Amino acid sequence: MSSALPLPRNTTRQADVALQGEIARMLHRFTGTVIVIFVLVHVIAQAVLHAPALAALKAQASWLPVVQSQHWVHAVLYFSIVFHTLYGFKLLLTEIGFALDYRKALWSIVSVSSAFALRELLRYAGV
């Protein structure tokens, strides 16, 4: 006879798809990573473009200003900053005791963040 407890049956099939809480956590981690990578690349790029000691690299990295001015890079960055900030505030509010519907909060935050990204794309399109 085994002493192991039997696992409950998966009658609702919730484990078969990504749950919204899992999606929110993955987005929060992803946006944080995007922000950190952008800041690191930006600092390195600015050092290469403006530091006299790195003048030799500047000639080899003529693509740096082009990459920094890409509209889709700014759209991803703005989405990431807004999402990461608002979701961080949502986490803070729930930690201090406010009851928030996590589904509504997640999709509201995604909508607002998407609006910032879309605004940036439209700005480059001249709208």
Protein backbone atom coordinates (compact mmCIF):
# COMPACT_ATOMS: atom_id res chain seq x y z
CA MET A 1 0.00 0.00 0.00
CA SER A 2 1.34 3.44 -0.98
CA SER A 3 1.31 6.35 1.43
CA ALA A 4 1.33 8.95 -1.35
CA LEU A 5 -1.75 11.13 -1.66
CA PRO A 6 -3.62 10.87 -4.94
CA LEU A 7 -3.67 14.00 -7.07
CA PRO A 8 -7.08 15.58 -7.65
CA ARG A 9 -8.67 15.06 -11.03
CA ASN A 10 -8.41 17.91 -13.51
CA THR A 11 -12.13 18.13 -14.28
CA THR A 12 -12.11 21.82 -15.21
CA ARG A 13 -9.08 21.54 -17.54
CA GLN A 14 -7.62 24.72 -16.01
CA ALA A 15 -4.13 23.24 -16.08
CA ASP A 16 -4.31 22.77 -19.85
CA VAL A 17 -4.11 26.50 -20.68
CA ALA A 18 -2.15 29.43 -19.33
CA LEU A 19 -4.08 30.99 -16.46
CA GLN A 20 -4.54 34.76 -16.37
CA GLY A 21 -2.45 35.08 -13.23
CA GLU A 22 0.34 33.21 -14.97
CA ILE A 23 -0.01 35.41 -18.06
CA ALA A 24 0.18 38.52 -15.85
CA ARG A 25 3.30 37.29 -14.06
CA MET A 26 5.00 36.39 -17.35
CA LEU A 27 4.13 39.80 -18.85
CA HIS A 28 5.42 41.54 -15.72
CA ARG A 29 8.72 39.67 -15.92
CA PHE A 30 9.00 40.17 -19.68
CA THR A 31 8.34 43.92 -19.48
CA GLY A 32 10.85 44.27 -16.65
CA THR A 33 13.42 42.47 -18.78
CA VAL A 34 12.67 44.70 -21.78
CA ILE A 35 13.19 47.80 -19.63
CA VAL A 36 16.50 46.55 -18.21
CA ILE A 37 17.82 45.51 -21.65
CA PHE A 38 16.79 48.82 -23.20
CA VAL A 39 18.52 50.82 -20.46
CA LEU A 40 21.70 48.76 -20.78
CA VAL A 41 21.78 49.06 -24.57
CA HIS A 42 20.96 52.76 -24.38
CA VAL A 43 23.77 53.48 -21.91
CA ILE A 44 26.27 51.49 -23.97
CA ALA A 45 25.10 53.18 -27.18
CA GLN A 46 25.39 56.64 -25.67
CA ALA A 47 28.86 55.83 -24.38
CA VAL A 48 29.95 54.63 -27.83
CA LEU A 49 28.45 57.67 -29.55
CA HIS A 50 29.76 60.35 -27.18
CA ALA A 51 32.81 59.08 -25.28
CA PRO A 52 36.09 60.04 -26.97
CA ALA A 53 37.74 56.86 -25.67
CA LEU A 54 35.26 54.79 -27.68
CA ALA A 55 35.64 56.72 -30.96
CA ALA A 56 37.01 53.63 -32.73
CA LEU A 57 33.81 51.73 -31.92
CA LYS A 58 31.67 54.63 -33.14
CA ALA A 59 32.90 54.17 -36.70
CA GLN A 60 32.09 50.45 -36.57
CA ALA A 61 28.68 50.97 -34.96
CA SER A 62 27.04 53.28 -37.47
CA TRP A 63 23.82 51.30 -37.00
CA LEU A 64 23.39 52.44 -33.36
CA PRO A 65 21.53 55.72 -34.07
CA VAL A 66 19.28 53.91 -36.55
CA VAL A 67 18.28 51.26 -34.01
CA GLN A 68 17.62 53.86 -31.33
CA SER A 69 15.20 55.75 -33.56
CA GLN A 70 13.05 52.78 -34.58
CA HIS A 71 9.37 53.42 -33.87
CA TRP A 72 8.63 49.83 -32.92
CA VAL A 73 11.43 49.89 -30.31
CA HIS A 74 9.80 52.92 -28.68
CA ALA A 75 6.35 51.31 -28.86
CA VAL A 76 7.60 48.14 -27.13
CA LEU A 77 9.45 50.25 -24.57
CA TYR A 78 6.41 52.44 -23.80
CA PHE A 79 4.13 49.40 -23.50
CA SER A 80 6.67 47.81 -21.15
CA ILE A 81 7.11 50.87 -18.96
CA VAL A 82 3.37 51.52 -18.61
CA PHE A 83 2.47 47.86 -18.05
CA HIS A 84 5.27 47.24 -15.57
CA THR A 85 4.45 50.40 -13.62
CA LEU A 86 0.68 49.89 -13.49
CA TYR A 87 0.92 46.18 -12.70
CA GLY A 88 3.44 47.00 -9.97
CA PHE A 89 0.94 49.47 -8.48
CA LYS A 90 -1.77 46.80 -8.72
CA LEU A 91 0.46 44.36 -6.83
CA LEU A 92 1.20 47.02 -4.23
CA LEU A 93 -2.50 47.77 -3.73
CA THR A 94 -3.37 44.11 -3.28
CA GLU A 95 -0.49 43.67 -0.82
CA ILE A 96 -1.76 46.49 1.38
CA GLY A 97 -5.27 45.05 1.42
CA PHE A 98 -7.30 46.46 -1.45
CA ALA A 99 -9.52 43.91 -3.18
CA LEU A 100 -9.16 44.11 -6.95
CA ASP A 101 -10.63 41.80 -9.56
CA TYR A 102 -7.48 40.41 -11.11
CA ARG A 103 -9.04 39.76 -14.53
CA LYS A 104 -10.40 43.29 -14.91
CA ALA A 105 -7.18 44.77 -13.54
CA LEU A 106 -5.00 42.75 -15.93
CA TRP A 107 -6.98 43.56 -19.06
CA SER A 108 -7.39 47.21 -18.07
CA ILE A 109 -3.63 47.50 -17.61
CA VAL A 110 -2.99 45.74 -20.94
CA SER A 111 -5.45 48.11 -22.65
CA VAL A 112 -3.90 51.27 -21.23
CA SER A 113 -0.39 50.01 -22.03
CA SER A 114 -1.43 49.13 -25.57
CA ALA A 115 -2.87 52.62 -26.00
CA PHE A 116 0.53 54.12 -25.16
CA ALA A 117 2.25 51.81 -27.66
CA LEU A 118 -0.35 52.53 -30.34
CA ARG A 119 0.00 56.28 -29.74
CA GLU A 120 3.73 55.98 -30.33
CA LEU A 121 3.22 54.00 -33.56
CA LEU A 122 0.64 56.52 -34.80
CA ARG A 123 2.96 59.40 -33.94
CA TYR A 124 5.61 57.96 -36.25
CA ALA A 125 2.97 57.36 -38.92
CA GLY A 126 2.17 61.07 -38.82
CA VAL A 127 -1.32 60.72 -37.38
